[in-house]
């Protein structure tokens, strides 16, 4: 699994997350600051989620797979996805 994109708007009220997974049927769930944001939706060959935030700055996004595995990416300037 890899988090390919994690972008937040200027006032930290909207977060967009994209991820990929090699495991068919995986359910991917996004977290920020230890809070579950929700599930990503499978669109073609990638998973995408758009989430509302409360205005608190977000430094990292983690995506957890229902099949085991986790990846994280720094927000908003992270260039690499890393496994957690």
PDB file of N, CA and C in Angstrom:
ATOM      1  N   UNK A   1       0.846  -1.167   0.000  1.00  0.00           N
ATOM      2  CA  UNK A   1       0.000   0.000   0.000  1.00  0.00           C
ATOM      3  C   UNK A   1       0.893   1.232   0.000  1.00  0.00           C
ATOM      4  N   UNK A   2       0.398   2.297  -0.644  1.00  0.00           N
ATOM      5  CA  UNK A   2       1.122   3.565  -0.695  1.00  0.00           C
ATOM      6  C   UNK A   2       0.139   4.725  -0.683  1.00  0.00           C
ATOM      7  N   UNK A   3       0.441   5.745   0.106  1.00  0.00           N
ATOM      8  CA  UNK A   3      -0.324   6.988   0.065  1.00  0.00           C
ATOM      9  C   UNK A   3       0.338   7.844  -1.014  1.00  0.00           C
ATOM     10  N   UNK A   4      -0.370   8.075  -2.102  1.00  0.00           N
ATOM     11  CA  UNK A   4       0.220   8.774  -3.243  1.00  0.00           C
ATOM     12  C   UNK A   4       0.004  10.282  -3.202  1.00  0.00           C
ATOM     13  N   UNK A   5      -0.963  10.721  -2.399  1.00  0.00           N
ATOM     14  CA  UNK A   5      -1.254  12.154  -2.315  1.00  0.00           C
ATOM     15  C   UNK A   5      -1.962  12.447  -1.001  1.00  0.00           C
ATOM     16  N   UNK A   6      -1.579  13.561  -0.382  1.00  0.00           N
ATOM     17  CA  UNK A   6      -2.260  14.043   0.815  1.00  0.00           C
ATOM     18  C   UNK A   6      -2.165  15.560   0.797  1.00  0.00           C
ATOM     19  N   UNK A   7      -3.280  16.202   0.513  1.00  0.00           N
ATOM     20  CA  UNK A   7      -3.297  17.660   0.384  1.00  0.00           C
ATOM     21  C   UNK A   7      -4.396  18.250   1.249  1.00  0.00           C
ATOM     22  N   UNK A   8      -4.076  19.378   1.861  1.00  0.00           N
ATOM     23  CA  UNK A   8      -5.035  20.068   2.711  1.00  0.00           C
ATOM     24  C   UNK A   8      -5.154  21.511   2.220  1.00  0.00           C
ATOM     25  N   UNK A   9      -6.330  22.096   2.370  1.00  0.00           N
ATOM     26  CA  UNK A   9      -6.483  23.495   1.954  1.00  0.00           C
ATOM     27  C   UNK A   9      -5.860  24.417   3.004  1.00  0.00           C
ATOM     28  N   UNK A  10      -5.769  25.694   2.695  1.00  0.00           N
ATOM     29  CA  UNK A  10      -5.062  26.655   3.550  1.00  0.00           C
ATOM     30  C   UNK A  10      -5.578  26.754   4.970  1.00  0.00           C
ATOM     31  N   UNK A  11      -6.873  26.662   5.147  1.00  0.00           N
ATOM     32  CA  UNK A  11      -7.420  26.828   6.493  1.00  0.00           C
ATOM     33  C   UNK A  11      -7.706  25.493   7.187  1.00  0.00           C
ATOM     34  N   UNK A  12      -7.129  24.410   6.662  1.00  0.00           N
ATOM     35  CA  UNK A  12      -7.220  23.084   7.267  1.00  0.00           C
ATOM     36  C   UNK A  12      -8.664  22.646   7.516  1.00  0.00           C
ATOM     37  N   UNK A  13      -9.517  22.856   6.520  1.00  0.00           N
ATOM     38  CA  UNK A  13     -10.898  22.391   6.636  1.00  0.00           C
ATOM     39  C   UNK A  13     -11.230  21.273   5.654  1.00  0.00           C
ATOM     40  N   UNK A  14     -10.374  21.047   4.654  1.00  0.00           N
ATOM     41  CA  UNK A  14     -10.601  19.981   3.673  1.00  0.00           C
ATOM     42  C   UNK A  14      -9.293  19.251   3.396  1.00  0.00           C
ATOM     43  N   UNK A  15      -9.369  17.930   3.393  1.00  0.00           N
ATOM     44  CA  UNK A  15      -8.211  17.074   3.154  1.00  0.00           C
ATOM     45  C   UNK A  15      -8.547  16.097   2.046  1.00  0.00           C
ATOM     46  N   UNK A  16      -7.653  15.966   1.078  1.00  0.00           N
ATOM     47  CA  UNK A  16      -7.805  14.988   0.001  1.00  0.00           C
ATOM     48  C   UNK A  16      -6.677  13.974   0.118  1.00  0.00           C
ATOM     49  N   UNK A  17      -7.041  12.690   0.099  1.00  0.00           N
ATOM     50  CA  UNK A  17      -6.077  11.609   0.224  1.00  0.00           C
ATOM     51  C   UNK A  17      -6.265  10.643  -0.934  1.00  0.00           C
ATOM     52  N   UNK A  18      -5.165  10.238  -1.566  1.00  0.00           N
ATOM     53  CA  UNK A  18      -5.188   9.192  -2.594  1.00  0.00           C
ATOM     54  C   UNK A  18      -4.205   8.109  -2.183  1.00  0.00           C
ATOM     55  N   UNK A  19      -4.559   6.864  -2.462  1.00  0.00           N
ATOM     56  CA  UNK A  19      -3.698   5.739  -2.107  1.00  0.00           C
ATOM     57  C   UNK A  19      -3.883   4.615  -3.115  1.00  0.00           C
ATOM     58  N   UNK A  20      -2.905   3.711  -3.126  1.00  0.00           N
ATOM     59  CA  UNK A  20      -2.994   2.510  -3.948  1.00  0.00           C
ATOM     60  C   UNK A  20      -2.791   1.297  -3.059  1.00  0.00           C
ATOM     61  N   UNK A  21      -3.309   0.163  -3.507  1.00  0.00           N
ATOM     62  CA  UNK A  21      -3.138  -1.092  -2.787  1.00  0.00           C
ATOM     63  C   UNK A  21      -3.073  -2.226  -3.793  1.00  0.00           C
ATOM     64  N   UNK A  22      -2.177  -3.174  -3.543  1.00  0.00           N
ATOM     65  CA  UNK A  22      -2.057  -4.351  -4.405  1.00  0.00           C
ATOM     66  C   UNK A  22      -3.030  -5.457  -3.995  1.00  0.00           C
ATOM     67  N   UNK A  23      -3.747  -5.245  -2.904  1.00  0.00           N
ATOM     68  CA  UNK A  23      -4.658  -6.259  -2.376  1.00  0.00           C
ATOM     69  C   UNK A  23      -6.096  -5.982  -2.820  1.00  0.00           C
ATOM     70  N   UNK A  24      -6.623  -6.784  -3.734  1.00  0.00           N
ATOM     71  CA  UNK A  24      -8.006  -6.573  -4.151  1.00  0.00           C
ATOM     72  C   UNK A  24      -8.959  -6.795  -2.976  1.00  0.00           C
ATOM     73  N   UNK A  25      -9.941  -5.952  -2.889  1.00  0.00           N
ATOM     74  CA  UNK A  25     -10.937  -6.083  -1.833  1.00  0.00           C
ATOM     75  C   UNK A  25     -10.565  -5.404  -0.524  1.00  0.00           C
ATOM     76  N   UNK A  26      -9.415  -4.760  -0.479  1.00  0.00           N
ATOM     77  CA  UNK A  26      -9.015  -4.071   0.754  1.00  0.00           C
ATOM     78  C   UNK A  26      -9.920  -2.870   0.999  1.00  0.00           C
ATOM     79  N   UNK A  27     -10.212  -2.626   2.262  1.00  0.00           N
ATOM     80  CA  UNK A  27     -10.920  -1.414   2.669  1.00  0.00           C
ATOM     81  C   UNK A  27      -9.874  -0.519   3.311  1.00  0.00           C
ATOM     82  N   UNK A  28      -9.679   0.682   2.757  1.00  0.00           N
ATOM     83  CA  UNK A  28      -8.677   1.610   3.260  1.00  0.00           C
ATOM     84  C   UNK A  28      -9.352   2.712   4.069  1.00  0.00           C
ATOM     85  N   UNK A  29      -8.805   2.977   5.247  1.00  0.00           N
ATOM     86  CA  UNK A  29      -9.359   3.980   6.155  1.00  0.00           C
ATOM     87  C   UNK A  29      -8.286   5.004   6.479  1.00  0.00           C
ATOM     88  N   UNK A  30      -8.637   6.290   6.386  1.00  0.00           N
ATOM     89  CA  UNK A  30      -7.699   7.386   6.645  1.00  0.00           C
ATOM     90  C   UNK A  30      -7.807   7.870   8.085  1.00  0.00           C
ATOM     91  N   UNK A  31      -6.649   8.251   8.641  1.00  0.00           N
ATOM     92  CA  UNK A  31      -6.550   8.811   9.989  1.00  0.00           C
ATOM     93  C   UNK A  31      -5.660  10.045   9.941  1.00  0.00           C
ATOM     94  N   UNK A  32      -5.949  11.040  10.757  1.00  0.00           N
ATOM     95  CA  UNK A  32      -5.098  12.219  10.916  1.00  0.00           C
ATOM     96  C   UNK A  32      -5.123  12.615  12.384  1.00  0.00           C
ATOM     97  N   UNK A  33      -3.955  12.793  12.966  1.00  0.00           N
ATOM     98  CA  UNK A  33      -3.892  13.167  14.373  1.00  0.00           C
ATOM     99  C   UNK A  33      -4.519  12.138  15.290  1.00  0.00           C
ATOM    100  N   UNK A  34      -4.475  10.870  14.882  1.00  0.00           N
ATOM    101  CA  UNK A  34      -5.058   9.805  15.687  1.00  0.00           C
ATOM    102  C   UNK A  34      -6.560   9.679  15.585  1.00  0.00           C
ATOM    103  N   UNK A  35      -7.181  10.500  14.740  1.00  0.00           N
ATOM    104  CA  UNK A  35      -8.639  10.492  14.578  1.00  0.00           C
ATOM    105  C   UNK A  35      -9.004   9.841  13.252  1.00  0.00           C
ATOM    106  N   UNK A  36      -9.941   8.911  13.291  1.00  0.00           N
ATOM    107  CA  UNK A  36     -10.408   8.273  12.068  1.00  0.00           C
ATOM    108  C   UNK A  36     -11.225   9.268  11.256  1.00  0.00           C
ATOM    109  N   UNK A  37     -10.841   9.445   9.986  1.00  0.00           N
ATOM    110  CA  UNK A  37     -11.551  10.366   9.103  1.00  0.00           C
ATOM    111  C   UNK A  37     -12.619   9.666   8.286  1.00  0.00           C
ATOM    112  N   UNK A  38     -12.360   8.427   7.895  1.00  0.00           N
ATOM    113  CA  UNK A  38     -13.322   7.683   7.093  1.00  0.00           C
ATOM    114  C   UNK A  38     -12.631   6.809   6.075  1.00  0.00           C
ATOM    115  N   UNK A  39     -13.446   6.118   5.289  1.00  0.00           N
ATOM    116  CA  UNK A  39     -12.931   5.192   4.288  1.00  0.00           C
ATOM    117  C   UNK A  39     -12.677   5.891   2.969  1.00  0.00           C
ATOM    118  N   UNK A  40     -11.659   5.391   2.270  1.00  0.00           N
ATOM    119  CA  UNK A  40     -11.376   5.861   0.924  1.00  0.00           C
ATOM    120  C   UNK A  40     -12.210   5.037  -0.056  1.00  0.00           C
ATOM    121  N   UNK A  41     -12.606   5.658  -1.142  1.00  0.00           N
ATOM    122  CA  UNK A  41     -13.445   5.003  -2.147  1.00  0.00           C
ATOM    123  C   UNK A  41     -12.577   4.551  -3.310  1.00  0.00           C
ATOM    124  N   UNK A  42     -12.791   3.324  -3.776  1.00  0.00           N
ATOM    125  CA  UNK A  42     -12.044   2.800  -4.917  1.00  0.00           C
ATOM    126  C   UNK A  42     -12.579   3.436  -6.198  1.00  0.00           C
ATOM    127  N   UNK A  43     -11.673   4.115  -6.914  1.00  0.00           N
ATOM    128  CA  UNK A  43     -12.030   4.754  -8.188  1.00  0.00           C
ATOM    129  C   UNK A  43     -11.005   4.315  -9.218  1.00  0.00           C
ATOM    130  N   UNK A  44     -11.391   3.353 -10.040  1.00  0.00           N
ATOM    131  CA  UNK A  44     -10.452   2.820 -11.028  1.00  0.00           C
ATOM    132  C   UNK A  44      -9.374   2.008 -10.338  1.00  0.00           C
ATOM    133  N   UNK A  45      -8.118   2.458 -10.463  1.00  0.00           N
ATOM    134  CA  UNK A  45      -7.003   1.718  -9.870  1.00  0.00           C
ATOM    135  C   UNK A  45      -6.458   2.378  -8.601  1.00  0.00           C
ATOM    136  N   UNK A  46      -7.187   3.351  -8.058  1.00  0.00           N
ATOM    137  CA  UNK A  46      -6.717   4.021  -6.843  1.00  0.00           C
ATOM    138  C   UNK A  46      -7.883   4.278  -5.902  1.00  0.00           C
ATOM    139  N   UNK A  47      -7.533   4.552  -4.676  1.00  0.00           N
ATOM    140  CA  UNK A  47      -8.503   4.886  -3.643  1.00  0.00           C
ATOM    141  C   UNK A  47      -8.431   6.387  -3.381  1.00  0.00           C
ATOM    142  N   UNK A  48      -9.584   7.022  -3.206  1.00  0.00           N
ATOM    143  CA  UNK A  48      -9.627   8.466  -2.991  1.00  0.00           C
ATOM    144  C   UNK A  48     -10.588   8.782  -1.851  1.00  0.00           C
ATOM    145  N   UNK A  49     -10.192   9.742  -1.030  1.00  0.00           N
ATOM    146  CA  UNK A  49     -11.076  10.209   0.028  1.00  0.00           C
ATOM    147  C   UNK A  49     -10.974  11.715   0.164  1.00  0.00           C
ATOM    148  N   UNK A  50     -12.109  12.355   0.378  1.00  0.00           N
ATOM    149  CA  UNK A  50     -12.166  13.795   0.646  1.00  0.00           C
ATOM    150  C   UNK A  50     -12.867  13.966   1.984  1.00  0.00           C
ATOM    151  N   UNK A  51     -12.174  14.632   2.905  1.00  0.00           N
ATOM    152  CA  UNK A  51     -12.654  14.688   4.279  1.00  0.00           C
ATOM    153  C   UNK A  51     -12.713  16.123   4.783  1.00  0.00           C
ATOM    154  N   UNK A  52     -13.679  16.367   5.652  1.00  0.00           N
ATOM    155  CA  UNK A  52     -13.814  17.665   6.323  1.00  0.00           C
ATOM    156  C   UNK A  52     -12.969  17.639   7.590  1.00  0.00           C
ATOM    157  N   UNK A  53     -12.233  18.725   7.836  1.00  0.00           N
ATOM    158  CA  UNK A  53     -11.429  18.864   9.046  1.00  0.00           C
ATOM    159  C   UNK A  53     -11.967  20.026   9.875  1.00  0.00           C
ATOM    160  N   UNK A  54     -11.488  20.146  11.108  1.00  0.00           N
ATOM    161  CA  UNK A  54     -11.988  21.185  12.010  1.00  0.00           C
ATOM    162  C   UNK A  54     -11.118  22.440  12.051  1.00  0.00           C
ATOM    163  N   UNK A  55     -10.150  22.563  11.156  1.00  0.00           N
ATOM    164  CA  UNK A  55      -9.291  23.737  11.131  1.00  0.00           C
ATOM    165  C   UNK A  55      -7.993  23.566  11.887  1.00  0.00           C
ATOM    166  N   UNK A  56      -7.827  22.445  12.596  1.00  0.00           N
ATOM    167  CA  UNK A  56      -6.574  22.166  13.303  1.00  0.00           C
ATOM    168  C   UNK A  56      -5.539  21.675  12.295  1.00  0.00           C
ATOM    169  N   UNK A  57      -4.331  22.241  12.298  1.00  0.00           N
ATOM    170  CA  UNK A  57      -3.306  21.796  11.352  1.00  0.00           C
ATOM    171  C   UNK A  57      -3.036  20.294  11.433  1.00  0.00           C
ATOM    172  N   UNK A  58      -2.842  19.694  10.278  1.00  0.00           N
ATOM    173  CA  UNK A  58      -2.569  18.259  10.150  1.00  0.00           C
ATOM    174  C   UNK A  58      -1.152  18.102   9.629  1.00  0.00           C
ATOM    175  N   UNK A  59      -0.354  17.256  10.289  1.00  0.00           N
ATOM    176  CA  UNK A  59       1.025  17.038   9.866  1.00  0.00           C
ATOM    177  C   UNK A  59       1.217  15.756   9.069  1.00  0.00           C
ATOM    178  N   UNK A  60       0.460  14.735   9.399  1.00  0.00           N
ATOM    179  CA  UNK A  60       0.579  13.432   8.743  1.00  0.00           C
ATOM    180  C   UNK A  60      -0.787  12.816   8.535  1.00  0.00           C
ATOM    181  N   UNK A  61      -0.867  12.011   7.491  1.00  0.00           N
ATOM    182  CA  UNK A  61      -2.061  11.203   7.246  1.00  0.00           C
ATOM    183  C   UNK A  61      -1.613   9.755   7.233  1.00  0.00           C
ATOM    184  N   UNK A  62      -2.346   8.901   7.916  1.00  0.00           N
ATOM    185  CA  UNK A  62      -2.108   7.461   7.880  1.00  0.00           C
ATOM    186  C   UNK A  62      -3.292   6.801   7.205  1.00  0.00           C
ATOM    187  N   UNK A  63      -2.996   5.792   6.403  1.00  0.00           N
ATOM    188  CA  UNK A  63      -4.043   4.987   5.783  1.00  0.00           C
ATOM    189  C   UNK A  63      -3.810   3.543   6.206  1.00  0.00           C
ATOM    190  N   UNK A  64      -4.849   2.932   6.784  1.00  0.00           N
ATOM    191  CA  UNK A  64      -4.781   1.555   7.257  1.00  0.00           C
ATOM    192  C   UNK A  64      -5.629   0.668   6.350  1.00  0.00           C
ATOM    193  N   UNK A  65      -5.123  -0.518   6.060  1.00  0.00           N
ATOM    194  CA  UNK A  65      -5.844  -1.488   5.247  1.00  0.00           C
ATOM    195  C   UNK A  65      -6.555  -2.498   6.133  1.00  0.00           C
ATOM    196  N   UNK A  66      -7.734  -2.907   5.713  1.00  0.00           N
ATOM    197  CA  UNK A  66      -8.478  -3.939   6.440  1.00  0.00           C
ATOM    198  C   UNK A  66      -7.773  -5.285   6.368  1.00  0.00           C
ATOM    199  N   UNK A  67      -6.849  -5.426   5.428  1.00  0.00           N
ATOM    200  CA  UNK A  67      -6.121  -6.683   5.258  1.00  0.00           C
ATOM    201  C   UNK A  67      -4.755  -6.643   5.939  1.00  0.00           C
ATOM    202  N   UNK A  68      -4.523  -5.619   6.738  1.00  0.00           N
ATOM    203  CA  UNK A  68      -3.242  -5.478   7.418  1.00  0.00           C
ATOM    204  C   UNK A  68      -2.322  -4.597   6.607  1.00  0.00           C
ATOM    205  N   UNK A  69      -1.647  -3.735   7.242  1.00  0.00           N
ATOM    206  CA  UNK A  69      -0.750  -2.818   6.558  1.00  0.00           C
ATOM    207  C   UNK A  69      -1.192  -1.393   6.767  1.00  0.00           C
ATOM    208  N   UNK A  70      -0.217  -0.523   6.661  1.00  0.00           N
ATOM    209  CA  UNK A  70      -0.448   0.886   6.937  1.00  0.00           C
ATOM    210  C   UNK A  70       0.612   1.690   6.202  1.00  0.00           C
ATOM    211  N   UNK A  71       0.240   2.866   5.728  1.00  0.00           N
ATOM    212  CA  UNK A  71       1.197   3.781   5.107  1.00  0.00           C
ATOM    213  C   UNK A  71       0.854   5.185   5.567  1.00  0.00           C
ATOM    214  N   UNK A  72       1.869   6.045   5.607  1.00  0.00           N
ATOM    215  CA  UNK A  72       1.626   7.426   6.009  1.00  0.00           C
ATOM    216  C   UNK A  72       2.373   8.375   5.092  1.00  0.00           C
ATOM    217  N   UNK A  73       1.904   9.621   5.093  1.00  0.00           N
ATOM    218  CA  UNK A  73       2.506  10.660   4.263  1.00  0.00           C
ATOM    219  C   UNK A  73       2.375  11.987   4.997  1.00  0.00           C
ATOM    220  N   UNK A  74       3.429  12.806   4.900  1.00  0.00           N
ATOM    221  CA  UNK A  74       3.397  14.128   5.505  1.00  0.00           C
ATOM    222  C   UNK A  74       2.453  15.039   4.722  1.00  0.00           C
ATOM    223  N   UNK A  75       1.820  15.948   5.432  1.00  0.00           N
ATOM    224  CA  UNK A  75       0.896  16.911   4.820  1.00  0.00           C
ATOM    225  C   UNK A  75       1.420  18.297   5.132  1.00  0.00           C
ATOM    226  N   UNK A  76       1.420  19.239   4.214  1.00  0.00           N
ATOM    227  CA  UNK A  76       1.029  19.110   2.821  1.00  0.00           C
ATOM    228  C   UNK A  76       2.201  18.896   1.881  1.00  0.00           C
ATOM    229  N   UNK A  77       3.428  18.813   2.414  1.00  0.00           N
ATOM    230  CA  UNK A  77       4.590  18.820   1.543  1.00  0.00           C
ATOM    231  C   UNK A  77       5.325  17.488   1.497  1.00  0.00           C
ATOM    232  N   UNK A  78       4.670  16.412   1.866  1.00  0.00           N
ATOM    233  CA  UNK A  78       5.343  15.115   1.863  1.00  0.00           C
ATOM    234  C   UNK A  78       5.580  14.596   0.460  1.00  0.00           C
ATOM    235  N   UNK A  79       6.790  14.185   0.205  1.00  0.00           N
ATOM    236  CA  UNK A  79       7.135  13.655  -1.112  1.00  0.00           C
ATOM    237  C   UNK A  79       7.128  12.142  -1.157  1.00  0.00           C
ATOM    238  N   UNK A  80       7.155  11.509   0.007  1.00  0.00           N
ATOM    239  CA  UNK A  80       7.248  10.053   0.041  1.00  0.00           C
ATOM    240  C   UNK A  80       6.230   9.461   0.990  1.00  0.00           C
ATOM    241  N   UNK A  81       5.715   8.318   0.588  1.00  0.00           N
ATOM    242  CA  UNK A  81       4.857   7.527   1.454  1.00  0.00           C
ATOM    243  C   UNK A  81       5.750   6.540   2.180  1.00  0.00           C
ATOM    244  N   UNK A  82       5.535   6.346   3.468  1.00  0.00           N
ATOM    245  CA  UNK A  82       6.304   5.385   4.236  1.00  0.00           C
ATOM    246  C   UNK A  82       5.353   4.444   4.943  1.00  0.00           C
ATOM    247  N   UNK A  83       5.825   3.222   5.169  1.00  0.00           N
ATOM    248  CA  UNK A  83       5.006   2.238   5.886  1.00  0.00           C
ATOM    249  C   UNK A  83       5.071   2.508   7.374  1.00  0.00           C
ATOM    250  N   UNK A  84       3.947   2.282   8.061  1.00  0.00           N
ATOM    251  CA  UNK A  84       3.920   2.493   9.505  1.00  0.00           C
ATOM    252  C   UNK A  84       3.672   1.191  10.222  1.00  0.00           C
TER     253      UNK A  84
END
